[in-house]
Amino acid sequence: KKISRKLAAHIGFDFDRGVIAESAHPFTTSLHNKDVRITTAYLENNL
C-alpha cells in the first residue's frame, strides 16, 4: 500500500484532489476534477 501511494505520487497523482482505496476490481471514478478516486486490489503473492 505504501508503494502504491509512492507510485501514484511519482506520476503526478494529487492527493489533495484524489484518494486511493481498495475494491474487488480496480477502478477510477470522478465527481469532478477536484475529487477523483481510484482503487486497487492487493495480492500477497503478486507484487
ModelCIF file with pLDDT and N, C-alpha, C, O atoms, coordinates in Angstrom:
data_MODEL
#
_entry.id   MODEL 
#
_entity.id                         1 
_entity.type                       polymer 
_entity.pdbx_number_of_molecules   1 
#
_entity_poly.entity_id                      1 
_entity_poly.type                           'polypeptide(L)' 
_entity_poly.nstd_linkage                   no 
_entity_poly.nstd_monomer                   no 
_entity_poly.pdbx_seq_one_letter_code       KKISRKLAAHIGFDFDRGVIAESAHPFTTSLHNKDVRITTAYLENNL 
_entity_poly.pdbx_seq_one_letter_code_can   KKISRKLAAHIGFDFDRGVIAESAHPFTTSLHNKDVRITTAYLENNL 
_entity_poly.pdbx_strand_id                 A 
#
loop_
_entity_poly_seq.entity_id 
_entity_poly_seq.num 
_entity_poly_seq.mon_id 
_entity_poly_seq.hetero 
1 1  LYS n 
1 2  LYS n 
1 3  ILE n 
1 4  SER n 
1 5  ARG n 
1 6  LYS n 
1 7  LEU n 
1 8  ALA n 
1 9  ALA n 
1 10 HIS n 
1 11 ILE n 
1 12 GLY n 
1 13 PHE n 
1 14 ASP n 
1 15 PHE n 
1 16 ASP n 
1 17 ARG n 
1 18 GLY n 
1 19 VAL n 
1 20 ILE n 
1 21 ALA n 
1 22 GLU n 
1 23 SER n 
1 24 ALA n 
1 25 HIS n 
1 26 PRO n 
1 27 PHE n 
1 28 THR n 
1 29 THR n 
1 30 SER n 
1 31 LEU n 
1 32 HIS n 
1 33 ASN n 
1 34 LYS n 
1 35 ASP n 
1 36 VAL n 
1 37 ARG n 
1 38 ILE n 
1 39 THR n 
1 40 THR n 
1 41 ALA n 
1 42 TYR n 
1 43 LEU n 
1 44 GLU n 
1 45 ASN n 
1 46 ASN n 
1 47 LEU n 
#
_struct_asym.id          A 
_struct_asym.entity_id   1 
#
loop_
_ma_qa_metric.id 
_ma_qa_metric.mode 
_ma_qa_metric.name 
_ma_qa_metric.software_group_id 
_ma_qa_metric.type 
1 global pLDDT . pLDDT 
2 local  pLDDT . pLDDT 
#
_ma_qa_metric_global.metric_id      1 
_ma_qa_metric_global.metric_value   95.77 
_ma_qa_metric_global.model_id       1 
_ma_qa_metric_global.ordinal_id     1 
#
loop_
_ma_qa_metric_local.label_asym_id 
_ma_qa_metric_local.label_comp_id 
_ma_qa_metric_local.label_seq_id 
_ma_qa_metric_local.metric_id 
_ma_qa_metric_local.metric_value 
_ma_qa_metric_local.model_id 
_ma_qa_metric_local.ordinal_id 
A LYS 1  2 97.00 1 1  
A LYS 2  2 97.00 1 2  
A ILE 3  2 98.00 1 3  
A SER 4  2 97.00 1 4  
A ARG 5  2 97.00 1 5  
A LYS 6  2 98.00 1 6  
A LEU 7  2 98.00 1 7  
A ALA 8  2 98.00 1 8  
A ALA 9  2 98.00 1 9  
A HIS 10 2 98.00 1 10 
A ILE 11 2 98.00 1 11 
A GLY 12 2 97.00 1 12 
A PHE 13 2 98.00 1 13 
A ASP 14 2 97.00 1 14 
A PHE 15 2 97.00 1 15 
A ASP 16 2 97.00 1 16 
A ARG 17 2 97.00 1 17 
A GLY 18 2 97.00 1 18 
A VAL 19 2 96.00 1 19 
A ILE 20 2 96.00 1 20 
A ALA 21 2 95.00 1 21 
A GLU 22 2 94.00 1 22 
A SER 23 2 90.00 1 23 
A ALA 24 2 84.00 1 24 
A HIS 25 2 85.00 1 25 
A PRO 26 2 92.00 1 26 
A PHE 27 2 94.00 1 27 
A THR 28 2 96.00 1 28 
A THR 29 2 95.00 1 29 
A SER 30 2 96.00 1 30 
A LEU 31 2 95.00 1 31 
A HIS 32 2 96.00 1 32 
A ASN 33 2 97.00 1 33 
A LYS 34 2 97.00 1 34 
A ASP 35 2 97.00 1 35 
A VAL 36 2 98.00 1 36 
A ARG 37 2 97.00 1 37 
A ILE 38 2 97.00 1 38 
A THR 39 2 96.00 1 39 
A THR 40 2 95.00 1 40 
A ALA 41 2 93.00 1 41 
A TYR 42 2 96.00 1 42 
A LEU 43 2 95.00 1 43 
A GLU 44 2 96.00 1 44 
A ASN 45 2 96.00 1 45 
A ASN 46 2 96.00 1 46 
A LEU 47 2 97.00 1 47 
#
loop_
_atom_site.group_PDB 
_atom_site.id 
_atom_site.type_symbol 
_atom_site.label_atom_id 
_atom_site.label_alt_id 
_atom_site.label_comp_id 
_atom_site.label_asym_id 
_atom_site.label_entity_id 
_atom_site.label_seq_id 
_atom_site.pdbx_PDB_ins_code 
_atom_site.Cartn_x 
_atom_site.Cartn_y 
_atom_site.Cartn_z 
_atom_site.occupancy 
_atom_site.B_iso_or_equiv 
_atom_site.pdbx_formal_charge 
_atom_site.auth_seq_id 
_atom_site.auth_comp_id 
_atom_site.auth_asym_id 
_atom_site.auth_atom_id 
_atom_site.pdbx_PDB_model_num 
ATOM 1   N N  . LYS A 1 1  ? 0.837   -1.203  0.000   1.00 97.00 ? 1  LYS A N  1 
ATOM 2   C CA . LYS A 1 1  ? 0.000   0.000   0.000   1.00 97.00 ? 1  LYS A CA 1 
ATOM 3   C C  . LYS A 1 1  ? 0.875   1.258   0.000   1.00 97.00 ? 1  LYS A C  1 
ATOM 4   O O  . LYS A 1 1  ? 0.555   2.244   -0.664  1.00 97.00 ? 1  LYS A O  1 
ATOM 5   N N  . LYS A 1 2  ? 1.969   1.215   0.743   1.00 97.00 ? 2  LYS A N  1 
ATOM 6   C CA . LYS A 1 2  ? 2.879   2.358   0.767   1.00 97.00 ? 2  LYS A CA 1 
ATOM 7   C C  . LYS A 1 2  ? 3.533   2.546   -0.598  1.00 97.00 ? 2  LYS A C  1 
ATOM 8   O O  . LYS A 1 2  ? 3.696   3.674   -1.061  1.00 97.00 ? 2  LYS A O  1 
ATOM 9   N N  . ILE A 1 3  ? 3.904   1.448   -1.235  1.00 98.00 ? 3  ILE A N  1 
ATOM 10  C CA . ILE A 1 3  ? 4.485   1.513   -2.578  1.00 98.00 ? 3  ILE A CA 1 
ATOM 11  C C  . ILE A 1 3  ? 3.485   2.111   -3.556  1.00 98.00 ? 3  ILE A C  1 
ATOM 12  O O  . ILE A 1 3  ? 3.848   2.937   -4.394  1.00 98.00 ? 3  ILE A O  1 
ATOM 13  N N  . SER A 1 4  ? 2.226   1.697   -3.452  1.00 97.00 ? 4  SER A N  1 
ATOM 14  C CA . SER A 1 4  ? 1.193   2.211   -4.355  1.00 97.00 ? 4  SER A CA 1 
ATOM 15  C C  . SER A 1 4  ? 1.060   3.720   -4.225  1.00 97.00 ? 4  SER A C  1 
ATOM 16  O O  . SER A 1 4  ? 0.946   4.420   -5.231  1.00 97.00 ? 4  SER A O  1 
ATOM 17  N N  . ARG A 1 5  ? 1.072   4.221   -3.016  1.00 97.00 ? 5  ARG A N  1 
ATOM 18  C CA . ARG A 1 5  ? 0.962   5.665   -2.816  1.00 97.00 ? 5  ARG A CA 1 
ATOM 19  C C  . ARG A 1 5  ? 2.176   6.389   -3.408  1.00 97.00 ? 5  ARG A C  1 
ATOM 20  O O  . ARG A 1 5  ? 2.039   7.455   -4.009  1.00 97.00 ? 5  ARG A O  1 
ATOM 21  N N  . LYS A 1 6  ? 3.348   5.807   -3.236  1.00 98.00 ? 6  LYS A N  1 
ATOM 22  C CA . LYS A 1 6  ? 4.556   6.423   -3.788  1.00 98.00 ? 6  LYS A CA 1 
ATOM 23  C C  . LYS A 1 6  ? 4.524   6.434   -5.313  1.00 98.00 ? 6  LYS A C  1 
ATOM 24  O O  . LYS A 1 6  ? 4.924   7.418   -5.935  1.00 98.00 ? 6  LYS A O  1 
ATOM 25  N N  . LEU A 1 7  ? 4.047   5.342   -5.920  1.00 98.00 ? 7  LEU A N  1 
ATOM 26  C CA . LEU A 1 7  ? 3.955   5.281   -7.377  1.00 98.00 ? 7  LEU A CA 1 
ATOM 27  C C  . LEU A 1 7  ? 2.943   6.297   -7.904  1.00 98.00 ? 7  LEU A C  1 
ATOM 28  O O  . LEU A 1 7  ? 3.185   6.974   -8.904  1.00 98.00 ? 7  LEU A O  1 
ATOM 29  N N  . ALA A 1 8  ? 1.817   6.390   -7.218  1.00 98.00 ? 8  ALA A N  1 
ATOM 30  C CA . ALA A 1 8  ? 0.794   7.353   -7.635  1.00 98.00 ? 8  ALA A CA 1 
ATOM 31  C C  . ALA A 1 8  ? 1.349   8.774   -7.570  1.00 98.00 ? 8  ALA A C  1 
ATOM 32  O O  . ALA A 1 8  ? 1.173   9.564   -8.497  1.00 98.00 ? 8  ALA A O  1 
ATOM 33  N N  . ALA A 1 9  ? 2.020   9.087   -6.465  1.00 98.00 ? 9  ALA A N  1 
ATOM 34  C CA . ALA A 1 9  ? 2.599   10.420  -6.322  1.00 98.00 ? 9  ALA A CA 1 
ATOM 35  C C  . ALA A 1 9  ? 3.679   10.663  -7.373  1.00 98.00 ? 9  ALA A C  1 
ATOM 36  O O  . ALA A 1 9  ? 3.810   11.776  -7.882  1.00 98.00 ? 9  ALA A O  1 
ATOM 37  N N  . HIS A 1 10 ? 4.443   9.640   -7.695  1.00 98.00 ? 10 HIS A N  1 
ATOM 38  C CA . HIS A 1 10 ? 5.545   9.770   -8.657  1.00 98.00 ? 10 HIS A CA 1 
ATOM 39  C C  . HIS A 1 10 ? 5.048   10.180  -10.034 1.00 98.00 ? 10 HIS A C  1 
ATOM 40  O O  . HIS A 1 10 ? 5.697   10.974  -10.715 1.00 98.00 ? 10 HIS A O  1 
ATOM 41  N N  . ILE A 1 11 ? 3.901   9.648   -10.455 1.00 98.00 ? 11 ILE A N  1 
ATOM 42  C CA . ILE A 1 11 ? 3.400   10.001  -11.789 1.00 98.00 ? 11 ILE A CA 1 
ATOM 43  C C  . ILE A 1 11 ? 2.602   11.297  -11.787 1.00 98.00 ? 11 ILE A C  1 
ATOM 44  O O  . ILE A 1 11 ? 2.220   11.800  -12.843 1.00 98.00 ? 11 ILE A O  1 
ATOM 45  N N  . GLY A 1 12 ? 2.349   11.840  -10.586 1.00 97.00 ? 12 GLY A N  1 
ATOM 46  C CA . GLY A 1 12 ? 1.687   13.137  -10.517 1.00 97.00 ? 12 GLY A CA 1 
ATOM 47  C C  . GLY A 1 12 ? 0.314   13.157  -9.877  1.00 97.00 ? 12 GLY A C  1 
ATOM 48  O O  . GLY A 1 12 ? -0.355  14.189  -9.911  1.00 97.00 ? 12 GLY A O  1 
ATOM 49  N N  . PHE A 1 13 ? -0.134  12.046  -9.291  1.00 98.00 ? 13 PHE A N  1 
ATOM 50  C CA . PHE A 1 13 ? -1.434  11.988  -8.622  1.00 98.00 ? 13 PHE A CA 1 
ATOM 51  C C  . PHE A 1 13 ? -1.457  12.983  -7.472  1.00 98.00 ? 13 PHE A C  1 
ATOM 52  O O  . PHE A 1 13 ? -0.573  12.977  -6.616  1.00 98.00 ? 13 PHE A O  1 
ATOM 53  N N  . ASP A 1 14 ? -2.456  13.824  -7.458  1.00 97.00 ? 14 ASP A N  1 
ATOM 54  C CA . ASP A 1 14 ? -2.586  14.887  -6.461  1.00 97.00 ? 14 ASP A CA 1 
ATOM 55  C C  . ASP A 1 14 ? -3.502  14.415  -5.333  1.00 97.00 ? 14 ASP A C  1 
ATOM 56  O O  . ASP A 1 14 ? -4.710  14.277  -5.526  1.00 97.00 ? 14 ASP A O  1 
ATOM 57  N N  . PHE A 1 15 ? -2.925  14.167  -4.157  1.00 97.00 ? 15 PHE A N  1 
ATOM 58  C CA . PHE A 1 15 ? -3.716  13.639  -3.046  1.00 97.00 ? 15 PHE A CA 1 
ATOM 59  C C  . PHE A 1 15 ? -4.615  14.698  -2.413  1.00 97.00 ? 15 PHE A C  1 
ATOM 60  O O  . PHE A 1 15 ? -5.431  14.373  -1.551  1.00 97.00 ? 15 PHE A O  1 
ATOM 61  N N  . ASP A 1 16 ? -4.480  15.950  -2.824  1.00 97.00 ? 16 ASP A N  1 
ATOM 62  C CA . ASP A 1 16 ? -5.434  16.977  -2.409  1.00 97.00 ? 16 ASP A CA 1 
ATOM 63  C C  . ASP A 1 16 ? -6.684  16.949  -3.284  1.00 97.00 ? 16 ASP A C  1 
ATOM 64  O O  . ASP A 1 16 ? -7.704  17.547  -2.942  1.00 97.00 ? 16 ASP A O  1 
ATOM 65  N N  . ARG A 1 17 ? -6.596  16.250  -4.411  1.00 97.00 ? 17 ARG A N  1 
ATOM 66  C CA . ARG A 1 17 ? -7.735  16.117  -5.327  1.00 97.00 ? 17 ARG A CA 1 
ATOM 67  C C  . ARG A 1 17 ? -8.223  14.677  -5.432  1.00 97.00 ? 17 ARG A C  1 
ATOM 68  O O  . ARG A 1 17 ? -9.260  14.421  -6.043  1.00 97.00 ? 17 ARG A O  1 
ATOM 69  N N  . GLY A 1 18 ? -7.495  13.743  -4.848  1.00 97.00 ? 18 GLY A N  1 
ATOM 70  C CA . GLY A 1 18 ? -7.863  12.344  -5.034  1.00 97.00 ? 18 GLY A CA 1 
ATOM 71  C C  . GLY A 1 18 ? -7.501  11.460  -3.854  1.00 97.00 ? 18 GLY A C  1 
ATOM 72  O O  . GLY A 1 18 ? -6.721  11.844  -2.983  1.00 97.00 ? 18 GLY A O  1 
ATOM 73  N N  . VAL A 1 19 ? -8.085  10.265  -3.845  1.00 96.00 ? 19 VAL A N  1 
ATOM 74  C CA . VAL A 1 19 ? -7.815  9.271   -2.805  1.00 96.00 ? 19 VAL A CA 1 
ATOM 75  C C  . VAL A 1 19 ? -7.635  7.904   -3.454  1.00 96.00 ? 19 VAL A C  1 
ATOM 76  O O  . VAL A 1 19 ? -8.070  7.668   -4.582  1.00 96.00 ? 19 VAL A O  1 
ATOM 77  N N  . ILE A 1 20 ? -6.986  7.013   -2.718  1.00 96.00 ? 20 ILE A N  1 
ATOM 78  C CA . ILE A 1 20 ? -6.825  5.624   -3.152  1.00 96.00 ? 20 ILE A CA 1 
ATOM 79  C C  . ILE A 1 20 ? -7.496  4.730   -2.124  1.00 96.00 ? 20 ILE A C  1 
ATOM 80  O O  . ILE A 1 20 ? -7.250  4.866   -0.926  1.00 96.00 ? 20 ILE A O  1 
ATOM 81  N N  . ALA A 1 21 ? -8.340  3.817   -2.584  1.00 95.00 ? 21 ALA A N  1 
ATOM 82  C CA . ALA A 1 21 ? -8.999  2.858   -1.700  1.00 95.00 ? 21 ALA A CA 1 
ATOM 83  C C  . ALA A 1 21 ? -8.836  1.455   -2.289  1.00 95.00 ? 21 ALA A C  1 
ATOM 84  O O  . ALA A 1 21 ? -8.147  1.265   -3.291  1.00 95.00 ? 21 ALA A O  1 
ATOM 85  N N  . GLU A 1 22 ? -9.473  0.491   -1.659  1.00 94.00 ? 22 GLU A N  1 
ATOM 86  C CA . GLU A 1 22 ? -9.422  -0.893  -2.127  1.00 94.00 ? 22 GLU A CA 1 
ATOM 87  C C  . GLU A 1 22 ? -10.790 -1.340  -2.625  1.00 94.00 ? 22 GLU A C  1 
ATOM 88  O O  . GLU A 1 22 ? -11.822 -0.902  -2.117  1.00 94.00 ? 22 GLU A O  1 
ATOM 89  N N  . SER A 1 23 ? -10.784 -2.214  -3.623  1.00 90.00 ? 23 SER A N  1 
ATOM 90  C CA . SER A 1 23 ? -12.028 -2.814  -4.106  1.00 90.00 ? 23 SER A CA 1 
ATOM 91  C C  . SER A 1 23 ? -11.700 -4.147  -4.752  1.00 90.00 ? 23 SER A C  1 
ATOM 92  O O  . SER A 1 23 ? -10.535 -4.452  -5.009  1.00 90.00 ? 23 SER A O  1 
ATOM 93  N N  . ALA A 1 24 ? -12.730 -4.939  -5.015  1.00 84.00 ? 24 ALA A N  1 
ATOM 94  C CA . ALA A 1 24 ? -12.517 -6.249  -5.632  1.00 84.00 ? 24 ALA A CA 1 
ATOM 95  C C  . ALA A 1 24 ? -11.955 -6.112  -7.038  1.00 84.00 ? 24 ALA A C  1 
ATOM 96  O O  . ALA A 1 24 ? -11.196 -6.962  -7.504  1.00 84.00 ? 24 ALA A O  1 
ATOM 97  N N  . HIS A 1 25 ? -12.333 -5.041  -7.702  1.00 85.00 ? 25 HIS A N  1 
ATOM 98  C CA . HIS A 1 25 ? -11.884 -4.786  -9.070  1.00 85.00 ? 25 HIS A CA 1 
ATOM 99  C C  . HIS A 1 25 ? -11.410 -3.341  -9.141  1.00 85.00 ? 25 HIS A C  1 
ATOM 100 O O  . HIS A 1 25 ? -12.206 -2.433  -8.901  1.00 85.00 ? 25 HIS A O  1 
ATOM 101 N N  . PRO A 1 26 ? -10.130 -3.092  -9.464  1.00 92.00 ? 26 PRO A N  1 
ATOM 102 C CA . PRO A 1 26 ? -9.634  -1.716  -9.510  1.00 92.00 ? 26 PRO A CA 1 
ATOM 103 C C  . PRO A 1 26 ? -10.429 -0.838  -10.486 1.00 92.00 ? 26 PRO A C  1 
ATOM 104 O O  . PRO A 1 26 ? -10.790 -1.283  -11.575 1.00 92.00 ? 26 PRO A O  1 
ATOM 105 N N  . PHE A 1 27 ? -10.693 0.393   -10.092 1.00 94.00 ? 27 PHE A N  1 
ATOM 106 C CA . PHE A 1 27 ? -11.415 1.303   -10.977 1.00 94.00 ? 27 PHE A CA 1 
ATOM 107 C C  . PHE A 1 27 ? -11.124 2.751   -10.590 1.00 94.00 ? 27 PHE A C  1 
ATOM 108 O O  . PHE A 1 27 ? -10.562 3.030   -9.531  1.00 94.00 ? 27 PHE A O  1 
ATOM 109 N N  . THR A 1 28 ? -11.517 3.653   -11.467 1.00 96.00 ? 28 THR A N  1 
ATOM 110 C CA . THR A 1 28 ? -11.406 5.091   -11.226 1.00 96.00 ? 28 THR A CA 1 
ATOM 111 C C  . THR A 1 28 ? -12.790 5.707   -11.363 1.00 96.00 ? 28 THR A C  1 
ATOM 112 O O  . THR A 1 28 ? -13.544 5.354   -12.269 1.00 96.00 ? 28 THR A O  1 
ATOM 113 N N  . THR A 1 29 ? -13.119 6.615   -10.476 1.00 95.00 ? 29 THR A N  1 
ATOM 114 C CA . THR A 1 29 ? -14.359 7.361   -10.615 1.00 95.00 ? 29 THR A CA 1 
ATOM 115 C C  . THR A 1 29 ? -14.078 8.822   -10.279 1.00 95.00 ? 29 THR A C  1 
ATOM 116 O O  . THR A 1 29 ? -13.151 9.138   -9.533  1.00 95.00 ? 29 THR A O  1 
ATOM 117 N N  . SER A 1 30 ? -14.885 9.691   -10.837 1.00 96.00 ? 30 SER A N  1 
ATOM 118 C CA . SER A 1 30 ? -14.650 11.119  -10.651 1.00 96.00 ? 30 SER A CA 1 
ATOM 119 C C  . SER A 1 30 ? -15.961 11.852  -10.426 1.00 96.00 ? 30 SER A C  1 
ATOM 120 O O  . SER A 1 30 ? -16.917 11.686  -11.184 1.00 96.00 ? 30 SER A O  1 
ATOM 121 N N  . LEU A 1 31 ? -15.996 12.671  -9.370  1.00 95.00 ? 31 LEU A N  1 
ATOM 122 C CA . LEU A 1 31 ? -17.133 13.562  -9.173  1.00 95.00 ? 31 LEU A CA 1 
ATOM 123 C C  . LEU A 1 31 ? -16.931 14.830  -9.984  1.00 95.00 ? 31 LEU A C  1 
ATOM 124 O O  . LEU A 1 31 ? -17.876 15.391  -10.539 1.00 95.00 ? 31 LEU A O  1 
ATOM 125 N N  . HIS A 1 32 ? -15.672 15.272  -10.042 1.00 96.00 ? 32 HIS A N  1 
ATOM 126 C CA . HIS A 1 32 ? -15.256 16.422  -10.833 1.00 96.00 ? 32 HIS A CA 1 
ATOM 127 C C  . HIS A 1 32 ? -13.738 16.472  -10.752 1.00 96.00 ? 32 HIS A C  1 
ATOM 128 O O  . HIS A 1 32 ? -13.127 15.589  -10.151 1.00 96.00 ? 32 HIS A O  1 
ATOM 129 N N  . ASN A 1 33 ? -13.119 17.483  -11.343 1.00 97.00 ? 33 ASN A N  1 
ATOM 130 C CA . ASN A 1 33 ? -11.660 17.497  -11.430 1.00 97.00 ? 33 ASN A CA 1 
ATOM 131 C C  . ASN A 1 33 ? -10.947 17.753  -10.103 1.00 97.00 ? 33 ASN A C  1 
ATOM 132 O O  . ASN A 1 33 ? -9.718  17.718  -10.044 1.00 97.00 ? 33 ASN A O  1 
ATOM 133 N N  . LYS A 1 34 ? -11.699 18.006  -9.058  1.00 97.00 ? 34 LYS A N  1 
ATOM 134 C CA . LYS A 1 34 ? -11.098 18.193  -7.735  1.00 97.00 ? 34 LYS A CA 1 
ATOM 135 C C  . LYS A 1 34 ? -11.493 17.081  -6.764  1.00 97.00 ? 34 LYS A C  1 
ATOM 136 O O  . LYS A 1 34 ? -11.226 17.166  -5.565  1.00 97.00 ? 34 LYS A O  1 
ATOM 137 N N  . ASP A 1 35 ? -12.126 16.045  -7.292  1.00 97.00 ? 35 ASP A N  1 
ATOM 138 C CA . ASP A 1 35 ? -12.471 14.868  -6.482  1.00 97.00 ? 35 ASP A CA 1 
ATOM 139 C C  . ASP A 1 35 ? -12.449 13.638  -7.385  1.00 97.00 ? 35 ASP A C  1 
ATOM 140 O O  . ASP A 1 35 ? -13.461 13.250  -7.967  1.00 97.00 ? 35 ASP A O  1 
ATOM 141 N N  . VAL A 1 36 ? -11.267 13.041  -7.483  1.00 98.00 ? 36 VAL A N  1 
ATOM 142 C CA . VAL A 1 36 ? -11.046 11.880  -8.345  1.00 98.00 ? 36 VAL A CA 1 
ATOM 143 C C  . VAL A 1 36 ? -10.586 10.715  -7.469  1.00 98.00 ? 36 VAL A C  1 
ATOM 144 O O  . VAL A 1 36 ? -9.655  10.867  -6.677  1.00 98.00 ? 36 VAL A O  1 
ATOM 145 N N  . ARG A 1 37 ? -11.218 9.574   -7.600  1.00 97.00 ? 37 ARG A N  1 
ATOM 146 C CA . ARG A 1 37 ? -10.963 8.450   -6.694  1.00 97.00 ? 37 ARG A CA 1 
ATOM 147 C C  . ARG A 1 37 ? -10.561 7.202   -7.464  1.00 97.00 ? 37 ARG A C  1 
ATOM 148 O O  . ARG A 1 37 ? -11.185 6.838   -8.460  1.00 97.00 ? 37 ARG A O  1 
ATOM 149 N N  . ILE A 1 38 ? -9.515  6.558   -6.985  1.00 97.00 ? 38 ILE A N  1 
ATOM 150 C CA . ILE A 1 38 ? -9.080  5.311   -7.608  1.00 97.00 ? 38 ILE A CA 1 
ATOM 151 C C  . ILE A 1 38 ? -9.020  4.209   -6.558  1.00 97.00 ? 38 ILE A C  1 
ATOM 152 O O  . ILE A 1 38 ? -8.884  4.467   -5.362  1.00 97.00 ? 38 ILE A O  1 
ATOM 153 N N  . THR A 1 39 ? -9.124  2.985   -7.036  1.00 96.00 ? 39 THR A N  1 
ATOM 154 C CA . THR A 1 39 ? -8.974  1.840   -6.136  1.00 96.00 ? 39 THR A CA 1 
ATOM 155 C C  . THR A 1 39 ? -7.969  0.866   -6.731  1.00 96.00 ? 39 THR A C  1 
ATOM 156 O O  . THR A 1 39 ? -7.667  0.901   -7.924  1.00 96.00 ? 39 THR A O  1 
ATOM 157 N N  . THR A 1 40 ? -7.471  0.013   -5.882  1.00 95.00 ? 40 THR A N  1 
ATOM 158 C CA . THR A 1 40 ? -6.650  -1.097  -6.350  1.00 95.00 ? 40 THR A CA 1 
ATOM 159 C C  . THR A 1 40 ? -6.948  -2.296  -5.463  1.00 95.00 ? 40 THR A C  1 
ATOM 160 O O  . THR A 1 40 ? -7.617  -2.176  -4.437  1.00 95.00 ? 40 THR A O  1 
ATOM 161 N N  . ALA A 1 41 ? -6.444  -3.450  -5.874  1.00 93.00 ? 41 ALA A N  1 
ATOM 162 C CA . ALA A 1 41 ? -6.604  -4.680  -5.092  1.00 93.00 ? 41 ALA A CA 1 
ATOM 163 C C  . ALA A 1 41 ? -5.214  -5.238  -4.838  1.00 93.00 ? 41 ALA A C  1 
ATOM 164 O O  . ALA A 1 41 ? -4.358  -5.206  -5.722  1.00 93.00 ? 41 ALA A O  1 
ATOM 165 N N  . TYR A 1 42 ? -4.988  -5.744  -3.649  1.00 96.00 ? 42 TYR A N  1 
ATOM 166 C CA . TYR A 1 42 ? -3.656  -6.213  -3.252  1.00 96.00 ? 42 TYR A CA 1 
ATOM 167 C C  . TYR A 1 42 ? -3.632  -7.732  -3.110  1.00 96.00 ? 42 TYR A C  1 
ATOM 168 O O  . TYR A 1 42 ? -4.512  -8.327  -2.489  1.00 96.00 ? 42 TYR A O  1 
ATOM 169 N N  . LEU A 1 43 ? -2.613  -8.341  -3.694  1.00 95.00 ? 43 LEU A N  1 
ATOM 170 C CA . LEU A 1 43 ? -2.408  -9.779  -3.607  1.00 95.00 ? 43 LEU A CA 1 
ATOM 171 C C  . LEU A 1 43 ? -1.051  -10.042 -2.955  1.00 95.00 ? 43 LEU A C  1 
ATOM 172 O O  . LEU A 1 43 ? -0.030  -9.525  -3.408  1.00 95.00 ? 43 LEU A O  1 
ATOM 173 N N  . GLU A 1 44 ? -1.043  -10.824 -1.918  1.00 96.00 ? 44 GLU A N  1 
ATOM 174 C CA . GLU A 1 44 ? 0.186   -11.045 -1.154  1.00 96.00 ? 44 GLU A CA 1 
ATOM 175 C C  . GLU A 1 44 ? 1.277   -11.704 -1.998  1.00 96.00 ? 44 GLU A C  1 
ATOM 176 O O  . GLU A 1 44 ? 2.463   -11.447 -1.793  1.00 96.00 ? 44 GLU A O  1 
ATOM 177 N N  . ASN A 1 45 ? 0.881   -12.542 -2.936  1.00 96.00 ? 45 ASN A N  1 
ATOM 178 C CA . ASN A 1 45 ? 1.855   -13.282 -3.735  1.00 96.00 ? 45 ASN A CA 1 
ATOM 179 C C  . ASN A 1 45 ? 1.909   -12.811 -5.186  1.00 96.00 ? 45 ASN A C  1 
ATOM 180 O O  . ASN A 1 45 ? 2.138   -13.600 -6.102  1.00 96.00 ? 45 ASN A O  1 
ATOM 181 N N  . ASN A 1 46 ? 1.694   -11.516 -5.374  1.00 96.00 ? 46 ASN A N  1 
ATOM 182 C CA . ASN A 1 46 ? 1.790   -10.949 -6.718  1.00 96.00 ? 46 ASN A CA 1 
ATOM 183 C C  . ASN A 1 46 ? 2.114   -9.461  -6.596  1.00 96.00 ? 46 ASN A C  1 
ATOM 184 O O  . ASN A 1 46 ? 1.219   -8.629  -6.446  1.00 96.00 ? 46 ASN A O  1 
ATOM 185 N N  . LEU A 1 47 ? 3.397   -9.140  -6.661  1.00 97.00 ? 47 LEU A N  1 
ATOM 186 C CA . LEU A 1 47 ? 3.839   -7.765  -6.473  1.00 97.00 ? 47 LEU A CA 1 
ATOM 187 C C  . LEU A 1 47 ? 3.358   -6.853  -7.593  1.00 97.00 ? 47 LEU A C  1 
ATOM 188 O O  . LEU A 1 47 ? 3.647   -5.657  -7.582  1.00 97.00 ? 47 LEU A O  1 
#
